[in-house]
Amino acid sequence: MATVLEKTHVFPSTVSSDSFTNFSLPLTFCDTLWFKFPPVERLFFYSLPQPKPTFLISTLPKLKHSLSLTLLHFLPLAGNLTWPPDSPKPTILYTPNDGVPLTVAASDADFDLISGDHVRQALLLHPFVPKLNITETGASAIALQITLFPDRGFCIGATCHHAVLDGKSSTMFMKSWAHFCRSETPVLPPELTPFYDRSFIKDPNGVVMSNLNLWLGLTGTSNPKDDPNLFQFFPFQDVSSDSVRGTFELTRADIAKLREKVLSTWEKRQPTGTESVKPPYLTSFVLTLSHMLVCFLKTREEDKDDHEIKRKITFGFTADLRSRLRPPVPENYFGNCVGFLVDSEDKRGVLKEEEPLAAMAGKVGELMKELVEKDVLESATETQRKLSTLLSEGTVIVGVAGSPRLGVYGVDFGWGQPKKVEVVSIDRTEAFSMAESRDGSGGIEIGIVLKKRQMDVFSSLFLTGLQIHHHV
């Protein structure tokens, strides 16, 4: 479906001597949490009705040149994740002559089908996703692919090693690349200039090594520096031919309906004569995740052919810690600065509640409360303990990839905002993707991958769950 035209590396620009100097970053506990987690794969689709010769002669060189300028500011992305023999923990290392692997391809696939919102086969997107270079001694931080759909548009595929950077940092990189391509100025604005000082993230409890030992234990690694598979990722589920991808949207009005349903249930439960107190943390994120989880659980429950129906199911999500650390970390910090919050209880029992949405919103809200009230390091230690148990038990952990706060639809290379942004990797990791509504209306766009038979049920539940039934 995609014909490779070129495989190359793009190197940091030589306009500064910085590209001729080694640059290393030690991993923090926020990084090692994701050491063997599968990479995040994201596709940015752009409408651009250019014939192939014009794209290759004009647009592609512009993308390459601006990428080179960007890498001068993001040297770690041109480097590799490695574990030096004399180091107690892995390091991100850039050395001169390191570059980002770039694949250039062309496809005659239906651009509107590939970049649409309708349900389609999950495997259709895989040819446009680049693979990280993995060896016995290291792994590339990022891999990129530019795929042309002649006379229709192109897409940029970015595969990011999660131990190197989080969603906020990867989006900052993409926006920086787009900035250089669009404006051709040699200077990045402050909000896009990466901050690399890792001394802000303390680790008095040794969580860095605890996280590493969790992954090494799960993969049976006793001596990591002698393990040829050290940098291979933890195996998650395979993507089958009957897996399909769907896009759903909750408008601000939809989210208001969900909030009304939860509040109505809450008020009915209040003892007569007492003052009604609103449940905390009924944010758009909490309501969206709660609605998706209830629909997902009901779908799995109704699927009689689901051979994994007996597995425990719970949920988790990441939270930005930049403003929560003491002292706080600048918003433009590069790397991982997220915590992972996970519920350790089987959530299938929520469906037995009279109002599952309200019950689930309460569970998600409890995790949000933990984020606000608990010390970051204490929470990180507890998460590591929970994950060790859940992963060894084979529990399904439904996660969230992305966030409406990232602003992925603001990645404009000069040809307008993306037609569509997809997180491809959710088809292996039991996650929903979330982004802001592309029309700027304040809604939330959600992606999900299910079996075809399940998607039909899920779609129906998603819509009926937005209906409000007023009881007289």
Protein backbone atom coordinates (compact mmCIF):
# COMPACT_ATOMS: atom_id res chain seq x y z
CA MET A 1 0.00 0.00 0.00
CA ALA A 2 3.05 2.27 0.35
CA THR A 3 6.05 2.20 -1.97
CA VAL A 4 9.31 3.25 -0.33
CA LEU A 5 11.06 5.94 -2.37
CA GLU A 6 13.93 6.69 -0.01
CA LYS A 7 15.41 5.61 3.30
CA THR A 8 17.78 8.13 4.80
CA HIS A 9 18.81 9.95 7.96
CA VAL A 10 18.28 13.64 8.62
CA PHE A 11 21.04 15.20 10.69
CA PRO A 12 20.98 18.27 12.93
CA SER A 13 21.89 21.42 11.04
CA THR A 14 25.56 22.39 11.08
CA VAL A 15 24.80 26.12 11.35
CA SER A 16 25.79 25.78 15.02
CA SER A 17 28.74 23.97 16.60
CA ASP A 18 26.29 22.26 18.98
CA SER A 19 25.74 19.52 16.41
CA PHE A 20 29.43 18.58 16.67
CA THR A 21 29.29 17.97 20.43
CA ASN A 22 28.16 14.93 22.41
CA PHE A 23 24.94 15.48 24.36
CA SER A 24 23.55 13.08 26.95
CA LEU A 25 20.51 13.00 29.22
CA PRO A 26 20.13 10.61 32.17
CA LEU A 27 16.75 8.95 32.55
CA THR A 28 14.48 10.04 35.40
CA PHE A 29 11.86 7.92 37.17
CA CYS A 30 9.30 9.44 34.80
CA ASP A 31 11.29 7.99 31.88
CA THR A 32 12.06 4.51 33.21
CA LEU A 33 8.35 3.93 33.87
CA TRP A 34 8.06 3.52 30.08
CA PHE A 35 11.35 1.69 29.40
CA LYS A 36 9.82 -1.29 27.58
CA PHE A 37 6.39 0.15 26.81
CA PRO A 38 5.59 0.00 23.07
CA PRO A 39 6.40 3.22 21.20
CA VAL A 40 3.73 5.82 20.52
CA GLU A 41 2.84 5.93 16.81
CA ARG A 42 1.06 9.03 15.54
CA LEU A 43 0.01 10.02 12.02
CA PHE A 44 -0.62 13.60 10.88
CA PHE A 45 -2.62 13.81 7.63
CA TYR A 46 -2.54 16.97 5.50
CA SER A 47 -4.58 17.85 2.43
CA LEU A 48 -2.27 19.09 -0.34
CA PRO A 49 -3.31 18.50 -3.97
CA GLN A 50 0.20 18.32 -5.45
CA PRO A 51 1.37 15.92 -8.15
CA LYS A 52 4.24 13.64 -7.21
CA PRO A 53 7.01 15.55 -9.07
CA THR A 54 6.05 18.86 -7.45
CA PHE A 55 5.97 17.32 -3.99
CA LEU A 56 9.36 15.66 -4.39
CA ILE A 57 11.03 18.74 -5.88
CA SER A 58 9.45 21.44 -3.74
CA THR A 59 7.68 20.24 -0.60
CA LEU A 60 9.90 17.33 0.49
CA PRO A 61 13.16 19.36 0.53
CA LYS A 62 11.41 22.02 2.59
CA LEU A 63 10.28 19.41 5.12
CA LYS A 64 13.77 17.91 5.31
CA HIS A 65 15.53 21.26 5.70
CA SER A 66 13.19 22.45 8.45
CA LEU A 67 13.57 19.08 10.20
CA SER A 68 17.35 19.52 10.19
CA LEU A 69 16.99 22.99 11.74
CA THR A 70 14.63 21.59 14.36
CA LEU A 71 16.95 18.76 15.36
CA LEU A 72 19.64 21.28 16.27
CA HIS A 73 17.36 22.25 19.16
CA PHE A 74 16.26 18.65 19.84
CA LEU A 75 19.60 16.81 19.73
CA PRO A 76 18.40 13.91 21.95
CA LEU A 77 15.90 12.94 19.24
CA ALA A 78 18.75 12.46 16.79
CA GLY A 79 20.45 10.17 19.30
CA ASN A 80 19.71 6.83 20.88
CA LEU A 81 18.57 5.28 24.12
CA THR A 82 21.51 3.23 25.37
CA TRP A 83 22.94 1.72 28.56
CA PRO A 84 26.68 2.49 28.78
CA PRO A 85 28.80 -0.18 30.53
CA ASP A 86 29.95 2.32 33.16
CA SER A 87 26.47 3.70 33.89
CA PRO A 88 24.05 2.39 36.54
CA LYS A 89 21.06 3.31 34.37
CA PRO A 90 20.20 3.93 30.70
CA THR A 91 20.99 7.23 29.03
CA ILE A 92 19.83 9.15 25.98
CA LEU A 93 23.01 9.85 24.03
CA TYR A 94 23.59 12.02 20.97
CA THR A 95 26.96 11.87 19.23
CA PRO A 96 28.07 13.75 16.11
CA ASN A 97 26.89 12.00 12.94
CA ASP A 98 23.73 10.73 14.66
CA GLY A 99 20.52 11.47 12.80
CA VAL A 100 16.82 10.67 12.72
CA PRO A 101 15.83 7.78 10.43
CA LEU A 102 13.45 9.08 7.75
CA THR A 103 11.48 7.03 5.24
CA VAL A 104 9.90 8.68 2.19
CA ALA A 105 7.09 6.74 0.55
CA ALA A 106 4.21 7.12 -1.89
CA SER A 107 0.81 5.46 -1.79
CA ASP A 108 -2.09 5.04 -4.19
CA ALA A 109 -4.46 4.25 -1.30
CA ASP A 110 -7.68 6.22 -0.96
CA PHE A 111 -6.58 9.30 1.02
CA ASP A 112 -10.09 10.09 2.24
CA LEU A 113 -10.62 6.49 3.40
CA ILE A 114 -7.28 6.38 5.21
CA SER A 115 -7.73 9.78 6.90
CA GLY A 116 -11.47 9.60 7.53
CA ASP A 117 -13.56 9.27 10.66
CA HIS A 118 -15.59 6.27 9.57
CA VAL A 119 -14.93 2.74 10.79
CA ARG A 120 -12.20 0.99 8.79
CA GLN A 121 -9.69 -1.81 9.17
CA ALA A 122 -7.02 -0.96 11.74
CA LEU A 123 -4.25 -2.51 9.64
CA LEU A 124 -4.86 0.05 6.87
CA LEU A 125 -2.75 2.61 8.73
CA HIS A 126 0.25 0.39 9.43
CA PRO A 127 2.14 0.98 6.13
CA PHE A 128 2.50 4.67 7.02
CA VAL A 129 4.08 4.08 10.43
CA PRO A 130 7.90 3.96 10.66
CA LYS A 131 9.73 1.52 12.92
CA LEU A 132 12.32 2.47 15.51
CA ASN A 133 15.82 1.11 14.95
CA ILE A 134 16.41 -1.47 17.71
CA THR A 135 19.77 -3.18 18.23
CA GLU A 136 21.44 -5.09 21.05
CA THR A 137 23.07 -1.85 22.22
CA GLY A 138 20.31 0.72 21.89
CA ALA A 139 17.15 2.09 20.33
CA SER A 140 16.52 5.19 18.26
CA ALA A 141 14.61 7.93 20.05
CA ILE A 142 12.29 8.62 17.13
CA ALA A 143 11.61 7.49 13.56
CA LEU A 144 9.78 9.49 10.89
CA GLN A 145 8.01 8.69 7.64
CA ILE A 146 6.61 11.06 5.03
CA THR A 147 4.07 9.41 2.73
CA LEU A 148 2.72 11.15 -0.36
CA PHE A 149 -0.77 10.52 -1.70
CA PRO A 150 -0.37 12.12 -5.16
CA ASP A 151 -2.79 14.95 -5.92
CA ARG A 152 -4.50 14.47 -2.55
CA GLY A 153 -2.16 15.07 0.36
CA PHE A 154 0.54 13.55 2.54
CA CYS A 155 1.00 12.23 6.03
CA ILE A 156 3.82 12.40 8.53
CA GLY A 157 4.27 9.34 10.69
CA ALA A 158 6.16 9.79 13.96
CA THR A 159 7.11 6.83 16.12
CA CYS A 160 8.44 7.94 19.51
CA HIS A 161 10.20 5.91 22.18
CA HIS A 162 8.12 6.52 25.30
CA ALA A 163 11.16 6.29 27.59
CA VAL A 164 12.59 9.32 25.76
CA LEU A 165 9.64 11.70 25.62
CA ASP A 166 6.01 12.12 26.59
CA GLY A 167 3.12 13.44 24.52
CA LYS A 168 3.76 17.04 25.48
CA SER A 169 7.41 16.85 24.39
CA SER A 170 6.64 15.01 21.14
CA THR A 171 3.98 17.59 20.27
CA MET A 172 6.43 20.39 21.11
CA PHE A 173 8.89 18.81 18.67
CA MET A 174 6.27 18.53 15.91
CA LYS A 175 5.15 22.13 16.47
CA SER A 176 8.78 23.29 16.36
CA TRP A 177 9.34 21.45 13.08
CA ALA A 178 6.14 22.98 11.70
CA HIS A 179 7.26 26.42 12.91
CA PHE A 180 10.56 26.25 11.01
CA CYS A 181 8.84 24.89 7.90
CA ARG A 182 6.12 27.52 7.96
CA SER A 183 8.09 30.62 8.91
CA GLU A 184 11.69 29.83 7.91
CA THR A 185 12.97 31.84 10.87
CA PRO A 186 16.09 30.60 12.71
CA VAL A 187 14.60 31.19 16.17
CA LEU A 188 12.11 29.15 18.16
CA PRO A 189 9.59 30.93 20.40
CA PRO A 190 10.19 30.32 24.14
CA GLU A 191 7.26 27.89 24.51
CA LEU A 192 8.79 25.64 21.82
CA THR A 193 12.39 25.83 23.06
CA PRO A 194 13.12 22.61 24.99
CA PHE A 195 14.34 22.76 28.59
CA TYR A 196 16.77 19.96 29.45
CA ASP A 197 17.77 20.43 33.11
CA ARG A 198 16.97 17.12 34.83
CA SER A 199 18.01 18.23 38.30
CA PHE A 200 14.41 19.36 38.87
CA ILE A 201 13.24 15.74 39.10
CA LYS A 202 14.52 14.22 42.35
CA ASP A 203 14.52 10.51 43.14
CA PRO A 204 15.31 9.96 46.84
CA ASN A 205 13.31 6.71 46.92
CA GLY A 206 15.14 5.01 44.03
CA VAL A 207 12.09 4.81 41.77
CA VAL A 208 14.31 4.98 38.66
CA MET A 209 15.71 1.53 39.37
CA SER A 210 12.43 0.16 40.76
CA ASN A 211 10.75 0.93 37.45
CA LEU A 212 13.60 -0.65 35.50
CA ASN A 213 13.52 -3.75 37.68
CA LEU A 214 9.77 -4.04 37.09
CA TRP A 215 10.28 -4.26 33.32
CA LEU A 216 13.35 -6.49 33.58
CA GLY A 217 11.47 -8.85 35.88
CA LEU A 218 8.49 -9.06 33.52
CA THR A 219 10.80 -10.01 30.64
CA GLY A 220 12.96 -12.40 32.66
CA THR A 221 16.12 -10.32 32.39
CA SER A 222 18.61 -11.00 35.20
CA ASN A 223 21.69 -9.27 33.76
CA PRO A 224 20.50 -6.40 31.54
CA LYS A 225 23.87 -5.48 30.08
CA ASP A 226 24.33 -9.01 28.72
CA ASP A 227 20.79 -9.30 27.35
CA PRO A 228 20.63 -9.04 23.53
CA ASN A 229 16.91 -8.23 23.83
CA LEU A 230 17.35 -5.48 26.41
CA PHE A 231 15.85 -2.80 24.16
CA GLN A 232 13.04 -4.91 22.74
CA PHE A 233 9.58 -3.83 23.86
CA PHE A 234 7.26 -5.72 26.18
CA PRO A 235 4.91 -7.77 23.97
CA PHE A 236 1.37 -6.45 23.80
CA GLN A 237 -1.53 -7.80 21.76
CA ASP A 238 -1.26 -8.44 18.02
CA VAL A 239 -3.50 -6.56 15.61
CA SER A 240 -5.80 -8.94 13.77
CA SER A 241 -7.43 -8.44 10.39
CA ASP A 242 -10.86 -8.10 12.01
CA SER A 243 -9.76 -5.18 14.21
CA VAL A 244 -11.33 -1.90 13.12
CA ARG A 245 -10.66 1.71 14.05
CA GLY A 246 -13.35 4.27 14.78
CA THR A 247 -13.42 7.96 15.65
CA PHE A 248 -16.00 9.45 17.97
CA GLU A 249 -16.57 12.98 19.18
CA LEU A 250 -18.12 14.48 22.26
CA THR A 251 -19.17 18.08 21.72
CA ARG A 252 -19.34 20.55 24.59
CA ALA A 253 -23.10 19.99 24.58
CA ASP A 254 -22.58 16.21 24.83
CA ILE A 255 -20.22 16.64 27.77
CA ALA A 256 -22.78 18.91 29.44
CA LYS A 257 -25.36 16.12 29.06
CA LEU A 258 -23.01 13.62 30.70
CA ARG A 259 -22.38 16.05 33.54
CA GLU A 260 -26.14 16.52 34.00
CA LYS A 261 -26.65 12.74 34.18
CA VAL A 262 -23.96 12.30 36.82
CA LEU A 263 -25.18 15.24 38.91
CA SER A 264 -28.78 14.02 38.68
CA THR A 265 -27.75 10.61 39.99
CA TRP A 266 -25.70 12.20 42.74
CA GLU A 267 -28.59 14.40 43.88
CA LYS A 268 -30.97 11.42 43.98
CA ARG A 269 -28.56 9.65 46.33
CA GLN A 270 -28.34 12.62 48.72
CA PRO A 271 -30.33 12.08 51.94
CA THR A 272 -33.51 14.14 52.04
CA GLY A 273 -33.07 17.51 53.72
CA THR A 274 -29.28 17.66 53.32
CA GLU A 275 -27.49 20.26 51.28
CA SER A 276 -26.47 18.92 47.88
CA VAL A 277 -22.71 18.80 47.38
CA LYS A 278 -21.40 18.38 43.86
CA PRO A 279 -18.95 15.50 43.31
CA PRO A 280 -15.44 16.79 42.62
CA TYR A 281 -13.47 16.47 39.39
CA LEU A 282 -16.32 16.33 36.89
CA THR A 283 -14.00 17.69 34.23
CA SER A 284 -14.45 17.09 30.51
CA PHE A 285 -11.67 14.50 30.69
CA VAL A 286 -13.25 12.62 33.61
CA LEU A 287 -16.67 12.56 31.94
CA THR A 288 -15.28 11.52 28.55
CA LEU A 289 -13.17 8.72 30.00
CA SER A 290 -16.05 7.51 32.18
CA HIS A 291 -18.45 7.39 29.23
CA MET A 292 -15.92 5.53 27.07
CA LEU A 293 -15.12 3.03 29.83
CA VAL A 294 -18.78 2.22 30.48
CA CYS A 295 -19.42 1.71 26.75
CA PHE A 296 -16.26 -0.43 26.48
CA LEU A 297 -17.19 -2.62 29.45
CA LYS A 298 -20.75 -3.11 28.20
CA THR A 299 -19.44 -4.01 24.75
CA ARG A 300 -17.09 -6.63 26.15
CA GLU A 301 -19.84 -8.02 28.38
CA GLU A 302 -22.25 -8.41 25.46
CA ASP A 303 -19.66 -10.08 23.21
CA LYS A 304 -20.26 -13.81 23.63
CA ASP A 305 -17.29 -14.60 21.38
CA ASP A 306 -14.81 -12.66 23.53
CA HIS A 307 -12.40 -15.33 24.77
CA GLU A 308 -10.78 -12.88 27.19
CA ILE A 309 -14.02 -11.97 28.94
CA LYS A 310 -12.82 -13.56 32.20
CA ARG A 311 -9.77 -11.28 32.46
CA LYS A 312 -9.93 -8.46 34.97
CA ILE A 313 -10.37 -5.02 33.42
CA THR A 314 -9.29 -1.77 34.99
CA PHE A 315 -8.13 1.63 33.75
CA GLY A 316 -5.31 4.13 34.06
CA PHE A 317 -4.19 7.43 32.61
CA THR A 318 -1.19 9.73 32.59
CA ALA A 319 -1.11 13.14 34.23
CA ASP A 320 1.30 15.98 33.53
CA LEU A 321 3.51 16.57 36.57
CA ARG A 322 5.32 19.70 35.39
CA SER A 323 3.31 22.02 37.61
CA ARG A 324 2.97 19.50 40.44
CA LEU A 325 6.63 18.90 41.22
CA ARG A 326 8.30 21.06 43.87
CA PRO A 327 9.87 23.17 42.56
CA PRO A 328 7.70 23.05 39.44
CA VAL A 329 9.28 22.07 36.13
CA PRO A 330 8.99 24.54 33.22
CA GLU A 331 6.20 23.77 30.76
CA ASN A 332 8.77 23.35 27.96
CA TYR A 333 10.66 20.60 29.83
CA PHE A 334 11.78 17.92 27.36
CA GLY A 335 11.41 14.25 28.21
CA ASN A 336 8.83 12.49 30.32
CA CYS A 337 7.25 14.46 33.13
CA VAL A 338 4.07 12.47 33.57
CA GLY A 339 2.81 10.18 36.26
CA PHE A 340 0.67 7.14 35.57
CA LEU A 341 -2.40 6.68 37.73
CA VAL A 342 -3.99 3.24 37.72
CA ASP A 343 -6.96 1.74 39.52
CA SER A 344 -6.13 -1.69 40.90
CA GLU A 345 -9.72 -2.99 41.14
CA ASP A 346 -11.69 -4.92 38.52
CA LYS A 347 -14.09 -2.41 37.01
CA ARG A 348 -16.55 -4.88 35.47
CA GLY A 349 -18.63 -4.64 38.64
CA VAL A 350 -19.50 -1.03 37.80
CA LEU A 351 -22.05 -2.34 35.29
CA LYS A 352 -24.08 -3.77 38.16
CA GLU A 353 -24.66 -0.27 39.51
CA GLU A 354 -28.01 1.38 38.83
CA GLU A 355 -26.22 4.25 37.07
CA PRO A 356 -22.86 2.95 35.75
CA LEU A 357 -21.79 6.34 34.36
CA ALA A 358 -22.05 8.05 37.74
CA ALA A 359 -20.29 5.13 39.43
CA MET A 360 -17.45 5.22 36.91
CA ALA A 361 -17.12 9.00 37.17
CA GLY A 362 -16.70 8.52 40.91
CA LYS A 363 -13.91 5.97 40.35
CA VAL A 364 -12.08 8.19 37.85
CA GLY A 365 -12.57 11.15 40.18
CA GLU A 366 -10.96 9.22 43.02
CA LEU A 367 -7.81 8.80 40.94
CA MET A 368 -7.83 12.50 40.10
CA LYS A 369 -8.10 13.23 43.82
CA GLU A 370 -5.07 11.01 44.43
CA LEU A 371 -3.13 13.03 41.85
CA VAL A 372 -3.96 16.30 43.61
CA GLU A 373 -3.52 15.19 47.21
CA LYS A 374 -0.68 12.66 47.18
CA ASP A 375 3.01 13.43 47.03
CA VAL A 376 4.38 12.80 43.53
CA LEU A 377 7.12 10.41 44.69
CA GLU A 378 4.74 8.53 46.96
CA SER A 379 2.30 8.16 44.08
CA ALA A 380 5.09 6.95 41.74
CA THR A 381 6.09 4.24 44.21
CA GLU A 382 2.49 3.12 44.62
CA THR A 383 1.95 3.03 40.85
CA GLN A 384 5.02 0.84 40.41
CA ARG A 385 3.66 -1.60 42.99
CA LYS A 386 0.19 -1.68 41.39
CA LEU A 387 1.58 -2.19 37.88
CA SER A 388 3.78 -5.06 39.01
CA THR A 389 0.73 -6.90 40.33
CA LEU A 390 -1.65 -6.04 37.48
CA LEU A 391 0.77 -6.91 34.67
CA SER A 392 1.80 -10.20 36.27
CA GLU A 393 -1.91 -11.10 36.64
CA GLY A 394 -2.60 -10.34 32.99
CA THR A 395 -5.15 -7.65 33.85
CA VAL A 396 -6.44 -5.57 30.94
CA ILE A 397 -5.45 -1.96 31.69
CA VAL A 398 -7.46 0.40 29.49
CA GLY A 399 -5.38 3.55 29.07
CA VAL A 400 -5.54 6.92 27.38
CA ALA A 401 -3.11 8.00 24.66
CA GLY A 402 -2.83 11.72 24.06
CA SER A 403 -4.79 14.55 25.60
CA PRO A 404 -7.05 17.37 24.41
CA ARG A 405 -4.50 19.73 25.99
CA LEU A 406 -1.69 18.76 23.59
CA GLY A 407 -3.17 20.70 20.70
CA VAL A 408 -2.14 18.25 17.97
CA TYR A 409 -4.41 20.00 15.47
CA GLY A 410 -2.21 23.07 15.86
CA VAL A 411 0.69 21.37 14.04
CA ASP A 412 0.59 23.49 10.87
CA PHE A 413 3.54 23.19 8.46
CA GLY A 414 2.20 25.96 6.26
CA TRP A 415 -0.53 24.03 4.46
CA GLY A 416 -3.19 24.39 7.13
CA GLN A 417 -4.07 22.29 10.16
CA PRO A 418 -4.07 18.50 9.90
CA LYS A 419 -7.07 16.91 8.23
CA LYS A 420 -6.79 14.12 10.79
CA VAL A 421 -4.46 12.99 13.55
CA GLU A 422 -4.42 9.31 14.52
CA VAL A 423 -2.65 7.46 17.33
CA VAL A 424 -2.01 4.17 15.57
CA SER A 425 -0.43 2.40 18.54
CA ILE A 426 -3.72 2.16 20.46
CA ASP A 427 -4.51 -0.92 18.38
CA ARG A 428 -1.99 -2.90 20.47
CA THR A 429 -2.22 -1.32 23.92
CA GLU A 430 -5.91 -1.41 24.93
CA ALA A 431 -6.15 2.39 24.97
CA PHE A 432 -8.40 5.15 23.77
CA SER A 433 -6.83 8.15 22.06
CA MET A 434 -7.95 11.66 22.94
CA ALA A 435 -7.43 14.97 21.16
CA GLU A 436 -9.12 18.31 20.97
CA SER A 437 -11.96 18.65 18.44
CA ARG A 438 -10.36 19.85 15.23
CA ASP A 439 -12.96 22.60 14.70
CA GLY A 440 -11.83 24.38 17.87
CA SER A 441 -15.28 24.12 19.46
CA GLY A 442 -14.02 22.76 22.77
CA GLY A 443 -15.15 19.18 22.23
CA ILE A 444 -13.06 16.02 22.47
CA GLU A 445 -12.17 13.59 19.68
CA ILE A 446 -11.72 9.97 20.71
CA GLY A 447 -10.21 7.05 18.82
CA ILE A 448 -10.73 3.38 19.64
CA VAL A 449 -9.86 0.01 18.07
CA LEU A 450 -12.15 -3.00 18.55
CA LYS A 451 -13.22 -6.14 16.73
CA LYS A 452 -15.74 -5.37 13.99
CA ARG A 453 -18.55 -7.13 15.84
CA GLN A 454 -17.73 -5.11 18.95
CA MET A 455 -17.52 -1.74 17.18
CA ASP A 456 -21.14 -1.93 16.04
CA VAL A 457 -22.27 -2.49 19.62
CA PHE A 458 -19.95 0.21 20.97
CA SER A 459 -21.21 2.79 18.46
CA SER A 460 -24.79 2.19 19.53
CA LEU A 461 -23.93 2.38 23.24
CA PHE A 462 -21.92 5.57 22.70
CA LEU A 463 -24.94 7.35 21.22
CA THR A 464 -27.61 5.99 23.57
CA GLY A 465 -25.42 6.85 26.54
CA LEU A 466 -25.80 10.52 25.67
CA GLN A 467 -29.56 10.43 25.97
CA ILE A 468 -31.05 11.90 29.11
CA HIS A 469 -34.12 10.29 30.58
CA HIS A 470 -35.99 12.60 32.93
CA HIS A 471 -37.87 10.72 35.62
CA VAL A 472 -41.17 12.29 36.69
